[in-house]
Amino acid sequence: MELKAEDVFKPGAFPKYTYISRKSKISDLSYEFRLEQAIKVSGFLTSLVGPSKMGKTILCEKVIEFDRIVEISGADFDETTDFWRLVAAKAGLSYEGQFLSEEKNSQTSDKFSRKETFSLTKDKIIDHYKKEDLVLVIDDFHYAPEKKRIQIAQQLKDAIRRGFKAIVVSLPHRADEAIRQNADLSGRLSLINMEPWEVEDLKEIAKVGFAKLNIGIEDDIAEKIAIESLSSPQLMQYICLNICTILEMTEDEHLQVKEEILEQAYRYTTANFEYGDVVNLIRRGPSTRGKRRNKFLTKEGQNYDVYELIVKSIAENPPVMSLEFEDMKERIHQLIADDCKVPTPQVIKTSLGKLQQLLKGREDIFKVLDWKEGVLYILDPLFLFYLRWGGNKIGS
């Protein structure tokens, strides 16, 4: 069967032909082996920690059969969500309901029916998961409200001791404190820290995938794409798929990935990304209540306020997923015209704090930045890629 580009490069699904196995720097064991061993250990909860869009869910799908995974998200919870009701529903179980029971009158032998109610207990739900050998995967655990995370940790503590299997997936800098700081889980936690993808590993996606499609690619071109993919295999898959789209429009029989089409492929990749409103919100910043913000003259001859400078500085080279404050300040100052006024460190810090509050509590797509302990974390590599190559970037 002749493979198509969409069969080989799959940014939103399991990549059958371009799955790349990795090992961590601190261990000679593959992540697949570590996860498989972790879920085999009865009575232990598995904590899988790694940056966004780094393949944590794909790793679970590789190790665990699809029909054994029951996936829920931290975003599924609010303060009032019943944990076991949701866990039951995701496994296809009715948590409570009514049924008709048929009985016979002992005096007349007449039959009659009556309605009875039922409600599943936690024990029955756990027994069902054990019987069907299911594994609960709680993705984006950090999206659940803080109090709910603590409650979930308490529920899991008791469940894992009964043979219930669960994996909690979270981001590194917003790691699952509710899990790690639960004293009752001490010594019962299998921790797997997934490190960001190295350029060499990302290059393999391109080299393996294009070879499957009989498309040539030089090592240095694969490296350029890998660097722009911001440590994200999902983004690497996306870019490679769009390169194929461009190549399909040519009439060349000997297809080759050339450097001159890379920027076009990057812009194609952002075409359907939905970050326009996110960027506009951050650029505008919080309401000024009628006050005018100070503007700063850039080397490009534009006047930007501090929020516009923050957005533009994040998008500068080299692309990175976290910025220490000093690096952030230096990037902003580098944008300002020589001998012109620059925003003070306190103004920048205050603005970053206000951005944090502005994005807090909004829909998941707006959760792209986190200002914490003097470091600005870019949570979503697709957002940063959009800043660099999308149509509404500052200065375009």
Protein backbone atom coordinates (compact mmCIF):
# COMPACT_ATOMS: atom_id res chain seq x y z
CA MET A 1 0.00 0.00 0.00
CA GLU A 2 1.33 3.41 -0.97
CA LEU A 3 1.53 5.66 2.05
CA LYS A 4 0.16 9.19 2.05
CA ALA A 5 1.64 12.11 3.96
CA GLU A 6 -1.29 12.12 6.38
CA ASP A 7 -0.65 8.44 7.15
CA VAL A 8 2.98 9.12 8.07
CA PHE A 9 2.89 12.52 9.80
CA LYS A 10 0.08 12.60 12.40
CA PRO A 11 0.27 15.63 14.72
CA GLY A 12 -3.04 14.87 16.44
CA ALA A 13 -3.01 11.08 16.66
CA PHE A 14 -0.74 8.14 17.36
CA PRO A 15 2.12 8.26 14.80
CA LYS A 16 2.36 4.63 13.72
CA TYR A 17 5.16 5.19 11.19
CA THR A 18 7.06 8.00 12.90
CA TYR A 19 6.96 7.03 16.58
CA ILE A 20 10.41 7.66 18.06
CA SER A 21 11.45 5.97 21.31
CA ARG A 22 13.59 8.00 23.70
CA LYS A 23 15.73 7.52 26.79
CA SER A 24 16.19 10.09 29.53
CA LYS A 25 19.61 11.61 30.22
CA ILE A 26 19.73 10.16 33.72
CA SER A 27 18.76 6.62 32.76
CA ASP A 28 19.65 4.08 30.12
CA LEU A 29 16.05 2.87 30.17
CA SER A 30 13.48 3.97 27.61
CA TYR A 31 10.41 5.90 28.73
CA GLU A 32 8.27 3.03 27.40
CA PHE A 33 10.03 0.52 29.67
CA ARG A 34 9.81 2.82 32.70
CA LEU A 35 6.09 3.43 32.24
CA GLU A 36 5.35 -0.24 31.64
CA GLN A 37 7.21 -1.19 34.83
CA ALA A 38 5.52 1.57 36.82
CA ILE A 39 1.96 0.49 36.04
CA LYS A 40 2.81 -3.13 36.86
CA VAL A 41 3.68 -2.24 40.46
CA SER A 42 0.54 -2.79 42.51
CA GLY A 43 -0.29 -0.15 45.09
CA PHE A 44 1.73 2.62 43.39
CA LEU A 45 0.46 5.75 41.66
CA THR A 46 2.34 6.82 38.52
CA SER A 47 3.15 10.51 38.09
CA LEU A 48 4.13 11.41 34.51
CA VAL A 49 5.57 14.92 34.36
CA GLY A 50 6.70 16.77 31.24
CA PRO A 51 6.24 19.93 29.16
CA SER A 52 3.12 20.47 27.05
CA LYS A 53 2.90 18.86 23.58
CA MET A 54 5.86 16.57 24.38
CA GLY A 55 4.13 13.23 23.77
CA LYS A 56 3.07 12.21 27.29
CA THR A 57 -0.34 10.98 26.11
CA ILE A 58 1.21 9.31 23.06
CA LEU A 59 3.59 7.48 25.41
CA CYS A 60 0.61 6.15 27.38
CA GLU A 61 -1.05 5.03 24.15
CA LYS A 62 2.15 3.26 23.08
CA VAL A 63 2.55 1.34 26.32
CA ILE A 64 -1.11 0.69 27.19
CA GLU A 65 -3.59 -0.75 24.71
CA PHE A 66 -6.11 1.84 23.49
CA ASP A 67 -9.10 -0.07 24.84
CA ARG A 68 -7.52 -0.24 28.30
CA ILE A 69 -7.04 3.53 28.69
CA VAL A 70 -9.73 5.58 30.40
CA GLU A 71 -8.73 9.21 29.94
CA ILE A 72 -10.03 12.21 31.84
CA SER A 73 -8.67 15.75 32.03
CA GLY A 74 -8.09 18.08 34.93
CA ALA A 75 -10.26 20.51 32.96
CA ASP A 76 -13.20 18.10 33.45
CA PHE A 77 -13.31 19.03 37.14
CA ASP A 78 -14.73 21.98 38.97
CA GLU A 79 -15.11 22.40 42.72
CA THR A 80 -18.32 20.31 42.81
CA THR A 81 -17.40 17.45 40.45
CA ASP A 82 -17.84 14.00 41.99
CA PHE A 83 -14.58 12.18 41.24
CA TRP A 84 -15.98 8.63 41.19
CA ARG A 85 -19.08 9.62 39.22
CA LEU A 86 -16.78 10.99 36.48
CA VAL A 87 -14.44 7.98 36.65
CA ALA A 88 -17.45 5.67 36.27
CA ALA A 89 -18.95 7.64 33.38
CA LYS A 90 -15.68 7.65 31.43
CA ALA A 91 -15.57 3.85 31.73
CA GLY A 92 -19.14 3.57 30.42
CA LEU A 93 -20.69 2.75 33.79
CA SER A 94 -23.99 4.18 35.01
CA TYR A 95 -23.25 5.70 38.39
CA GLU A 96 -26.87 5.71 39.48
CA GLY A 97 -30.29 5.05 37.99
CA GLN A 98 -33.48 2.98 38.15
CA PHE A 99 -34.49 -0.49 37.03
CA LEU A 100 -37.67 -2.57 37.05
CA SER A 101 -37.75 -5.62 39.26
CA GLU A 102 -40.42 -8.34 38.82
CA GLU A 103 -41.96 -9.99 41.87
CA LYS A 104 -44.74 -12.48 42.53
CA ASN A 105 -47.52 -12.14 45.09
CA SER A 106 -47.22 -15.19 47.36
CA GLN A 107 -51.00 -15.20 48.03
CA THR A 108 -52.36 -14.84 44.50
CA SER A 109 -49.36 -15.79 42.36
CA ASP A 110 -49.90 -12.54 40.45
CA LYS A 111 -46.75 -10.92 39.04
CA PHE A 112 -46.06 -7.24 39.42
CA SER A 113 -43.19 -4.86 38.70
CA ARG A 114 -41.74 -2.07 40.74
CA LYS A 115 -39.04 0.51 40.22
CA GLU A 116 -35.86 0.29 42.23
CA THR A 117 -32.93 2.67 42.33
CA PHE A 118 -29.25 1.83 42.34
CA SER A 119 -26.05 3.72 42.95
CA LEU A 120 -22.56 2.41 42.32
CA THR A 121 -20.15 2.43 45.20
CA LYS A 122 -16.48 3.33 44.91
CA ASP A 123 -15.61 -0.31 45.58
CA LYS A 124 -17.70 -1.53 42.65
CA ILE A 125 -16.06 1.01 40.32
CA ILE A 126 -12.61 -0.07 41.45
CA ASP A 127 -13.58 -3.74 40.98
CA HIS A 128 -14.74 -2.99 37.41
CA TYR A 129 -11.44 -1.29 36.55
CA LYS A 130 -9.51 -4.24 38.01
CA LYS A 131 -11.63 -6.85 36.24
CA GLU A 132 -11.28 -5.13 32.84
CA ASP A 133 -7.60 -4.27 33.51
CA LEU A 134 -8.28 -0.58 32.85
CA VAL A 135 -5.83 2.23 33.55
CA LEU A 136 -7.10 5.69 34.48
CA VAL A 137 -5.05 8.48 32.88
CA ILE A 138 -5.68 11.94 34.36
CA ASP A 139 -4.25 14.30 31.75
CA ASP A 140 -3.53 17.99 32.45
CA PHE A 141 -3.97 17.40 36.17
CA HIS A 142 -2.87 21.00 36.83
CA TYR A 143 -6.08 22.30 35.21
CA ALA A 144 -8.22 20.98 38.08
CA PRO A 145 -8.92 23.52 40.86
CA GLU A 146 -6.38 23.35 43.68
CA LYS A 147 -8.81 22.04 46.31
CA LYS A 148 -10.09 19.43 43.86
CA ARG A 149 -6.52 18.25 43.18
CA ILE A 150 -6.06 17.61 46.88
CA GLN A 151 -9.37 15.68 47.02
CA ILE A 152 -8.40 13.61 43.96
CA ALA A 153 -5.05 12.74 45.59
CA GLN A 154 -6.93 11.55 48.69
CA GLN A 155 -9.27 9.40 46.59
CA LEU A 156 -6.39 7.88 44.62
CA LYS A 157 -4.45 7.12 47.80
CA ASP A 158 -7.10 4.68 48.94
CA ALA A 159 -7.87 3.30 45.45
CA ILE A 160 -4.30 2.33 44.50
CA ARG A 161 -3.97 0.27 47.66
CA ARG A 162 -6.84 -1.83 46.31
CA GLY A 163 -5.13 -2.46 42.98
CA PHE A 164 -6.60 0.47 41.06
CA LYS A 165 -4.18 1.63 38.32
CA ALA A 166 -3.83 5.34 37.61
CA ILE A 167 -1.43 7.74 35.89
CA VAL A 168 -1.42 11.45 36.70
CA VAL A 169 -0.04 13.64 33.89
CA SER A 170 1.12 17.18 34.64
CA LEU A 171 3.48 19.99 33.65
CA PRO A 172 6.91 20.21 35.34
CA HIS A 173 6.86 23.71 36.82
CA ARG A 174 3.22 23.32 37.90
CA ALA A 175 3.86 19.76 38.97
CA ASP A 176 1.41 17.70 40.93
CA GLU A 177 2.12 19.12 44.40
CA ALA A 178 -1.14 17.64 45.64
CA ILE A 179 0.22 14.21 44.71
CA ARG A 180 3.82 14.61 45.84
CA GLN A 181 2.99 16.44 49.05
CA ASN A 182 0.41 13.89 50.19
CA ALA A 183 2.13 12.16 53.10
CA ASP A 184 0.02 9.03 52.63
CA LEU A 185 1.42 8.64 49.09
CA SER A 186 5.01 8.84 50.31
CA GLY A 187 6.79 5.72 49.10
CA ARG A 188 3.85 4.84 46.86
CA LEU A 189 4.69 7.08 43.92
CA SER A 190 6.39 6.09 40.67
CA LEU A 191 7.73 9.34 39.23
CA ILE A 192 8.66 9.64 35.54
CA ASN A 193 10.04 13.01 34.47
CA MET A 194 9.87 13.33 30.68
CA GLU A 195 12.61 15.65 29.49
CA PRO A 196 12.11 17.98 26.50
CA TRP A 197 12.92 16.44 23.13
CA GLU A 198 16.44 16.89 21.85
CA VAL A 199 17.00 18.18 18.31
CA GLU A 200 18.54 14.83 17.33
CA ASP A 201 15.38 12.95 18.36
CA LEU A 202 13.10 15.38 16.53
CA LYS A 203 15.21 15.08 13.40
CA GLU A 204 14.46 11.35 13.37
CA ILE A 205 10.75 12.09 12.88
CA ALA A 206 11.55 13.98 9.67
CA LYS A 207 14.19 11.55 8.40
CA VAL A 208 12.10 8.42 9.05
CA GLY A 209 8.87 9.98 7.79
CA PHE A 210 10.20 11.49 4.57
CA ALA A 211 12.03 8.25 3.80
CA LYS A 212 8.70 6.40 4.04
CA LEU A 213 7.34 8.82 1.43
CA ASN A 214 10.42 8.67 -0.81
CA ILE A 215 11.14 12.36 -0.20
CA GLY A 216 14.74 13.47 0.23
CA ILE A 217 15.90 15.65 3.12
CA GLU A 218 19.40 16.75 4.10
CA ASP A 219 20.47 16.51 7.72
CA ASP A 220 20.92 20.27 8.12
CA ILE A 221 17.38 20.93 6.83
CA ALA A 222 15.94 18.38 9.26
CA GLU A 223 17.86 20.15 12.03
CA LYS A 224 16.42 23.57 11.13
CA ILE A 225 12.90 22.16 11.32
CA ALA A 226 13.68 20.44 14.62
CA ILE A 227 14.95 23.66 16.20
CA GLU A 228 11.83 25.53 15.10
CA SER A 229 9.66 22.75 16.56
CA LEU A 230 10.45 23.96 20.09
CA SER A 231 11.06 20.48 21.54
CA SER A 232 7.57 19.37 20.49
CA PRO A 233 7.14 16.16 18.45
CA GLN A 234 3.55 17.23 17.73
CA LEU A 235 4.75 20.47 16.15
CA MET A 236 7.46 18.58 14.24
CA GLN A 237 4.78 16.28 12.80
CA TYR A 238 2.65 19.31 11.88
CA ILE A 239 5.45 21.12 10.03
CA CYS A 240 6.51 17.99 8.14
CA LEU A 241 2.92 17.38 7.06
CA ASN A 242 2.68 20.91 5.67
CA ILE A 243 5.99 20.52 3.85
CA CYS A 244 4.41 17.54 2.10
CA THR A 245 1.42 19.69 1.16
CA ILE A 246 3.75 22.21 -0.50
CA LEU A 247 5.74 19.52 -2.29
CA GLU A 248 2.53 17.96 -3.64
CA MET A 249 1.88 21.21 -5.52
CA THR A 250 5.12 20.85 -7.49
CA GLU A 251 5.57 18.76 -10.61
CA ASP A 252 9.05 17.56 -9.67
CA GLU A 253 9.29 13.77 -9.77
CA HIS A 254 12.32 13.76 -7.47
CA LEU A 255 10.90 15.39 -4.36
CA GLN A 256 13.36 17.07 -2.00
CA VAL A 257 12.84 19.25 1.08
CA LYS A 258 14.70 22.49 0.37
CA GLU A 259 15.40 25.39 2.71
CA GLU A 260 13.50 27.95 0.62
CA ILE A 261 10.13 26.31 1.41
CA LEU A 262 10.60 26.15 5.19
CA GLU A 263 9.20 29.58 6.04
CA GLN A 264 6.20 28.91 3.82
CA ALA A 265 5.65 25.61 5.63
CA TYR A 266 5.88 27.37 9.01
CA ARG A 267 3.23 29.89 7.98
CA TYR A 268 1.00 27.15 6.56
CA THR A 269 1.30 25.38 9.90
CA THR A 270 -0.12 28.36 11.80
CA ALA A 271 -3.04 28.82 9.38
CA ASN A 272 -5.54 26.87 11.49
CA PHE A 273 -4.12 27.65 14.93
CA GLU A 274 -6.64 29.47 17.12
CA TYR A 275 -4.34 31.78 19.03
CA GLY A 276 -5.34 35.09 17.44
CA ASP A 277 -7.60 36.10 20.33
CA VAL A 278 -4.97 34.98 22.84
CA VAL A 279 -2.27 37.15 21.27
CA ASN A 280 -4.61 40.15 21.03
CA LEU A 281 -5.60 39.81 24.69
CA ILE A 282 -1.97 39.70 25.85
CA ARG A 283 -1.00 42.61 23.59
CA ARG A 284 -3.82 44.76 24.99
CA GLY A 285 -3.07 43.79 28.57
CA PRO A 286 -5.49 44.56 31.43
CA SER A 287 -7.86 47.51 31.32
CA THR A 288 -6.20 50.88 32.03
CA ARG A 289 -9.48 52.52 33.10
CA GLY A 290 -8.92 55.48 30.80
CA LYS A 291 -5.24 56.00 31.60
CA ARG A 292 -2.68 56.03 28.81
CA ARG A 293 0.23 53.62 28.98
CA ASN A 294 3.79 54.76 28.40
CA LYS A 295 5.08 54.00 24.91
CA PHE A 296 8.63 53.03 24.03
CA LEU A 297 10.29 53.69 20.68
CA THR A 298 11.74 50.54 19.09
CA LYS A 299 14.61 50.17 16.65
CA GLU A 300 12.00 49.48 13.97
CA GLY A 301 10.53 52.95 14.54
CA GLN A 302 7.36 51.69 16.25
CA ASN A 303 5.92 52.88 19.58
CA TYR A 304 4.91 49.94 21.77
CA ASP A 305 3.66 49.75 25.33
CA VAL A 306 5.12 47.24 27.79
CA TYR A 307 2.62 44.47 26.95
CA GLU A 308 3.34 44.70 23.24
CA LEU A 309 7.06 44.60 24.06
CA ILE A 310 6.55 41.46 26.17
CA VAL A 311 4.80 39.69 23.29
CA LYS A 312 7.44 40.74 20.77
CA SER A 313 10.32 39.77 23.05
CA ILE A 314 8.92 36.27 23.61
CA ALA A 315 8.88 35.72 19.85
CA GLU A 316 12.53 36.76 19.36
CA ASN A 317 15.36 34.37 18.48
CA PRO A 318 16.35 31.97 19.79
CA PRO A 319 12.94 30.36 20.43
CA VAL A 320 12.83 29.05 24.01
CA MET A 321 10.07 27.75 26.26
CA SER A 322 11.15 29.59 29.42
CA LEU A 323 12.83 32.91 30.13
CA GLU A 324 14.56 34.02 33.31
CA PHE A 325 13.61 37.58 34.19
CA GLU A 326 17.07 38.96 33.33
CA ASP A 327 16.84 37.37 29.88
CA MET A 328 13.35 38.74 29.44
CA LYS A 329 14.50 42.23 30.43
CA GLU A 330 17.50 42.01 28.07
CA ARG A 331 15.29 40.98 25.14
CA ILE A 332 12.97 43.92 25.76
CA HIS A 333 15.85 46.38 26.06
CA GLN A 334 17.33 45.05 22.81
CA LEU A 335 14.10 46.00 21.04
CA ILE A 336 14.28 49.65 22.18
CA ALA A 337 15.98 52.28 20.02
CA ASP A 338 19.40 53.45 21.21
CA ASP A 339 19.41 56.22 23.84
CA CYS A 340 15.63 55.93 24.32
CA LYS A 341 13.71 55.34 27.52
CA VAL A 342 13.25 51.67 28.51
CA PRO A 343 10.68 50.14 30.89
CA THR A 344 12.07 49.66 34.39
CA PRO A 345 12.53 46.15 35.84
CA GLN A 346 9.67 46.80 38.26
CA VAL A 347 7.31 47.82 35.44
CA ILE A 348 8.15 44.63 33.53
CA LYS A 349 7.67 42.43 36.62
CA THR A 350 4.38 44.12 37.53
CA SER A 351 3.13 43.74 33.96
CA LEU A 352 4.01 40.03 33.91
CA GLY A 353 2.09 39.58 37.16
CA LYS A 354 -0.93 41.37 35.71
CA LEU A 355 -0.78 39.18 32.60
CA GLN A 356 -0.81 36.12 34.86
CA GLN A 357 -4.02 37.35 36.49
CA LEU A 358 -5.53 38.34 33.13
CA LEU A 359 -5.14 34.81 31.72
CA LYS A 360 -6.09 33.01 34.93
CA GLY A 361 -9.53 31.42 34.94
CA ARG A 362 -10.07 31.74 31.19
CA GLU A 363 -10.58 28.91 28.69
CA ASP A 364 -7.80 26.37 28.30
CA ILE A 365 -6.49 27.91 25.07
CA PHE A 366 -5.63 31.10 27.01
CA LYS A 367 -3.43 29.20 29.49
CA VAL A 368 -0.25 29.79 27.51
CA LEU A 369 1.96 31.70 29.97
CA ASP A 370 2.93 31.25 33.59
CA TRP A 371 4.97 33.83 35.52
CA LYS A 372 6.34 32.03 38.54
CA GLU A 373 9.30 32.71 40.86
CA GLY A 374 11.10 35.00 38.44
CA VAL A 375 10.68 32.81 35.37
CA LEU A 376 8.24 33.24 32.48
CA TYR A 377 7.16 29.82 31.25
CA ILE A 378 5.61 29.42 27.81
CA LEU A 379 3.26 26.52 28.43
CA ASP A 380 2.29 25.79 24.85
CA PRO A 381 4.90 25.42 22.08
CA LEU A 382 2.18 25.85 19.45
CA PHE A 383 1.41 29.30 20.91
CA LEU A 384 5.07 30.35 20.71
CA PHE A 385 5.29 29.01 17.16
CA TYR A 386 2.19 31.07 16.29
CA LEU A 387 3.81 34.17 17.78
CA ARG A 388 6.82 33.66 15.53
CA TRP A 389 5.04 32.74 12.31
CA GLY A 390 1.35 33.64 12.60
CA GLY A 391 -0.30 36.34 10.53
CA ASN A 392 -0.97 38.87 13.30
CA LYS A 393 2.43 38.99 14.98
CA ILE A 394 3.62 42.43 16.13
CA GLY A 395 5.65 44.21 13.53
CA SER A 396 4.25 42.23 10.58
